[in-house]
Amino acid sequence: MFQLTLNTVTSWTKGSDDDGRRMKRREKNRVAAQKSRKRQTQRADLLHQACEVLEERNRNLRREVDSLSEEQYLLTEALRTHEPLCPIMHLGVASSDNR
């Protein structure tokens, strides 16, 4: 038959303690993993929001570039049509020829 000795009781108690420590460690690890996943999700959400803000800003800047390009074109055309008729331009050319 089985005899209960001090070594057997100590071994059984130690195994029970190990199981308790292992369970605590697993629970602690599970909680840490949940926190880590939550932080990762929050970071991803913040990056997504920042990306949307930057994309909107980029669209606005592209519209502004288009508008400024159109304005530049119109001003260049206005200058081109004005140059042949401008008396100041002709005086400037004549005075620079006399030098």
C-alpha atoms as a PDB file:
ATOM      1  CA  MET A   1       0.000   0.000   0.000  1.00  0.00           C
ATOM      2  CA  PHE A   2       0.851   3.647  -0.204  1.00  0.00           C
ATOM      3  CA  GLN A   3       2.685   5.140   2.743  1.00  0.00           C
ATOM      4  CA  LEU A   4       2.409   8.808   3.420  1.00  0.00           C
ATOM      5  CA  THR A   5       5.803  10.239   4.241  1.00  0.00           C
ATOM      6  CA  LEU A   6       7.045  13.735   4.909  1.00  0.00           C
ATOM      7  CA  ASN A   7       8.669  13.787   1.475  1.00  0.00           C
ATOM      8  CA  THR A   8       5.406  12.824  -0.192  1.00  0.00           C
ATOM      9  CA  VAL A   9       3.466  15.553   1.644  1.00  0.00           C
ATOM     10  CA  THR A  10       6.162  18.141   0.914  1.00  0.00           C
ATOM     11  CA  SER A  11       6.241  17.134  -2.733  1.00  0.00           C
ATOM     12  CA  TRP A  12       2.447  17.305  -3.007  1.00  0.00           C
ATOM     13  CA  THR A  13       2.344  20.726  -1.285  1.00  0.00           C
ATOM     14  CA  LYS A  14       5.175  22.012  -3.458  1.00  0.00           C
ATOM     15  CA  GLY A  15       3.335  20.864  -6.592  1.00  0.00           C
ATOM     16  CA  SER A  16       0.225  22.647  -5.403  1.00  0.00           C
ATOM     17  CA  ASP A  17       2.258  25.820  -4.784  1.00  0.00           C
ATOM     18  CA  ASP A  18       3.781  25.526  -8.255  1.00  0.00           C
ATOM     19  CA  ASP A  19       0.307  25.198  -9.758  1.00  0.00           C
ATOM     20  CA  GLY A  20      -0.837  28.295  -7.868  1.00  0.00           C
ATOM     21  CA  ARG A  21       2.189  30.295  -9.009  1.00  0.00           C
ATOM     22  CA  ARG A  22       1.751  29.076 -12.568  1.00  0.00           C
ATOM     23  CA  MET A  23      -1.920  30.110 -12.557  1.00  0.00           C
ATOM     24  CA  LYS A  24      -1.054  33.548 -11.144  1.00  0.00           C
ATOM     25  CA  ARG A  25       1.666  33.990 -13.747  1.00  0.00           C
ATOM     26  CA  ARG A  26      -0.693  32.949 -16.555  1.00  0.00           C
ATOM     27  CA  GLU A  27      -3.385  35.351 -15.313  1.00  0.00           C
ATOM     28  CA  LYS A  28      -0.848  38.166 -15.039  1.00  0.00           C
ATOM     29  CA  ASN A  29       0.384  37.395 -18.552  1.00  0.00           C
ATOM     30  CA  ARG A  30      -3.188  37.307 -19.888  1.00  0.00           C
ATOM     31  CA  VAL A  31      -3.918  40.743 -18.389  1.00  0.00           C
ATOM     32  CA  ALA A  32      -0.635  42.131 -19.762  1.00  0.00           C
ATOM     33  CA  ALA A  33      -1.459  40.747 -23.223  1.00  0.00           C
ATOM     34  CA  GLN A  34      -4.919  42.365 -23.108  1.00  0.00           C
ATOM     35  CA  LYS A  35      -3.383  45.719 -22.155  1.00  0.00           C
ATOM     36  CA  SER A  36      -0.830  45.387 -24.926  1.00  0.00           C
ATOM     37  CA  ARG A  37      -3.505  44.612 -27.523  1.00  0.00           C
ATOM     38  CA  LYS A  38      -5.611  47.547 -26.285  1.00  0.00           C
ATOM     39  CA  ARG A  39      -2.649  49.944 -26.545  1.00  0.00           C
ATOM     40  CA  GLN A  40      -1.844  48.627 -30.014  1.00  0.00           C
ATOM     41  CA  THR A  41      -5.453  49.167 -31.117  1.00  0.00           C
ATOM     42  CA  GLN A  42      -5.445  52.701 -29.688  1.00  0.00           C
ATOM     43  CA  ARG A  43      -2.196  53.512 -31.510  1.00  0.00           C
ATOM     44  CA  ALA A  44      -3.643  52.140 -34.752  1.00  0.00           C
ATOM     45  CA  ASP A  45      -6.794  54.254 -34.275  1.00  0.00           C
ATOM     46  CA  LEU A  46      -4.719  57.394 -33.665  1.00  0.00           C
ATOM     47  CA  LEU A  47      -2.601  56.709 -36.739  1.00  0.00           C
ATOM     48  CA  HIS A  48      -5.739  56.179 -38.813  1.00  0.00           C
ATOM     49  CA  GLN A  49      -7.179  59.502 -37.622  1.00  0.00           C
ATOM     50  CA  ALA A  50      -3.887  61.293 -38.307  1.00  0.00           C
ATOM     51  CA  CYS A  51      -3.805  59.732 -41.771  1.00  0.00           C
ATOM     52  CA  GLU A  52      -7.317  60.998 -42.534  1.00  0.00           C
ATOM     53  CA  VAL A  53      -6.395  64.520 -41.361  1.00  0.00           C
ATOM     54  CA  LEU A  54      -3.252  64.515 -43.513  1.00  0.00           C
ATOM     55  CA  GLU A  55      -5.126  63.203 -46.560  1.00  0.00           C
ATOM     56  CA  GLU A  56      -7.696  66.010 -46.201  1.00  0.00           C
ATOM     57  CA  ARG A  57      -4.897  68.564 -45.840  1.00  0.00           C
ATOM     58  CA  ASN A  58      -3.222  67.121 -48.930  1.00  0.00           C
ATOM     59  CA  ARG A  59      -6.470  67.451 -50.918  1.00  0.00           C
ATOM     60  CA  ASN A  60      -6.823  71.077 -49.791  1.00  0.00           C
ATOM     61  CA  LEU A  61      -3.227  71.861 -50.728  1.00  0.00           C
ATOM     62  CA  ARG A  62      -3.685  70.270 -54.160  1.00  0.00           C
ATOM     63  CA  ARG A  63      -6.779  72.427 -54.730  1.00  0.00           C
ATOM     64  CA  GLU A  64      -4.779  75.493 -53.695  1.00  0.00           C
ATOM     65  CA  VAL A  65      -1.944  74.552 -56.081  1.00  0.00           C
ATOM     66  CA  ASP A  66      -4.466  74.146 -58.914  1.00  0.00           C
ATOM     67  CA  SER A  67      -6.014  77.513 -58.101  1.00  0.00           C
ATOM     68  CA  LEU A  68      -2.637  79.256 -57.942  1.00  0.00           C
ATOM     69  CA  SER A  69      -1.538  77.621 -61.200  1.00  0.00           C
ATOM     70  CA  GLU A  70      -4.700  78.892 -62.877  1.00  0.00           C
ATOM     71  CA  GLU A  71      -4.098  82.381 -61.445  1.00  0.00           C
ATOM     72  CA  GLN A  72      -0.492  82.329 -62.664  1.00  0.00           C
ATOM     73  CA  TYR A  73      -1.635  81.311 -66.145  1.00  0.00           C
ATOM     74  CA  LEU A  74      -4.209  84.115 -66.285  1.00  0.00           C
ATOM     75  CA  LEU A  75      -1.721  86.724 -65.061  1.00  0.00           C
ATOM     76  CA  THR A  76       0.900  85.548 -67.550  1.00  0.00           C
ATOM     77  CA  GLU A  77      -1.627  85.811 -70.370  1.00  0.00           C
ATOM     78  CA  ALA A  78      -2.687  89.277 -69.206  1.00  0.00           C
ATOM     79  CA  LEU A  79       0.958  90.375 -69.160  1.00  0.00           C
ATOM     80  CA  ARG A  80       1.562  88.921 -72.626  1.00  0.00           C
ATOM     81  CA  THR A  81      -1.356  90.849 -74.095  1.00  0.00           C
ATOM     82  CA  HIS A  82      -0.365  94.019 -72.245  1.00  0.00           C
ATOM     83  CA  GLU A  83       3.358  94.061 -73.120  1.00  0.00           C
ATOM     84  CA  PRO A  84       3.039  95.071 -76.801  1.00  0.00           C
ATOM     85  CA  LEU A  85       0.749  97.970 -75.876  1.00  0.00           C
ATOM     86  CA  CYS A  86       2.680  99.233 -72.841  1.00  0.00           C
ATOM     87  CA  PRO A  87       4.404 102.595 -73.436  1.00  0.00           C
ATOM     88  CA  ILE A  88       6.529 102.140 -70.323  1.00  0.00           C
ATOM     89  CA  MET A  89       7.932  98.918 -71.703  1.00  0.00           C
ATOM     90  CA  HIS A  90       8.853 100.691 -74.965  1.00  0.00           C
ATOM     91  CA  LEU A  91      10.494 103.572 -73.088  1.00  0.00           C
ATOM     92  CA  GLY A  92      12.471 101.120 -71.003  1.00  0.00           C
ATOM     93  CA  VAL A  93      13.729  99.348 -74.108  1.00  0.00           C
ATOM     94  CA  ALA A  94      14.580 102.650 -75.849  1.00  0.00           C
ATOM     95  CA  SER A  95      16.464 104.051 -72.865  1.00  0.00           C
ATOM     96  CA  SER A  96      18.445 100.858 -72.447  1.00  0.00           C
ATOM     97  CA  ASP A  97      19.349 100.928 -76.167  1.00  0.00           C
ATOM     98  CA  ASN A  98      20.825 104.454 -75.768  1.00  0.00           C
ATOM     99  CA  ARG A  99      23.397 103.335 -73.246  1.00  0.00           C
END
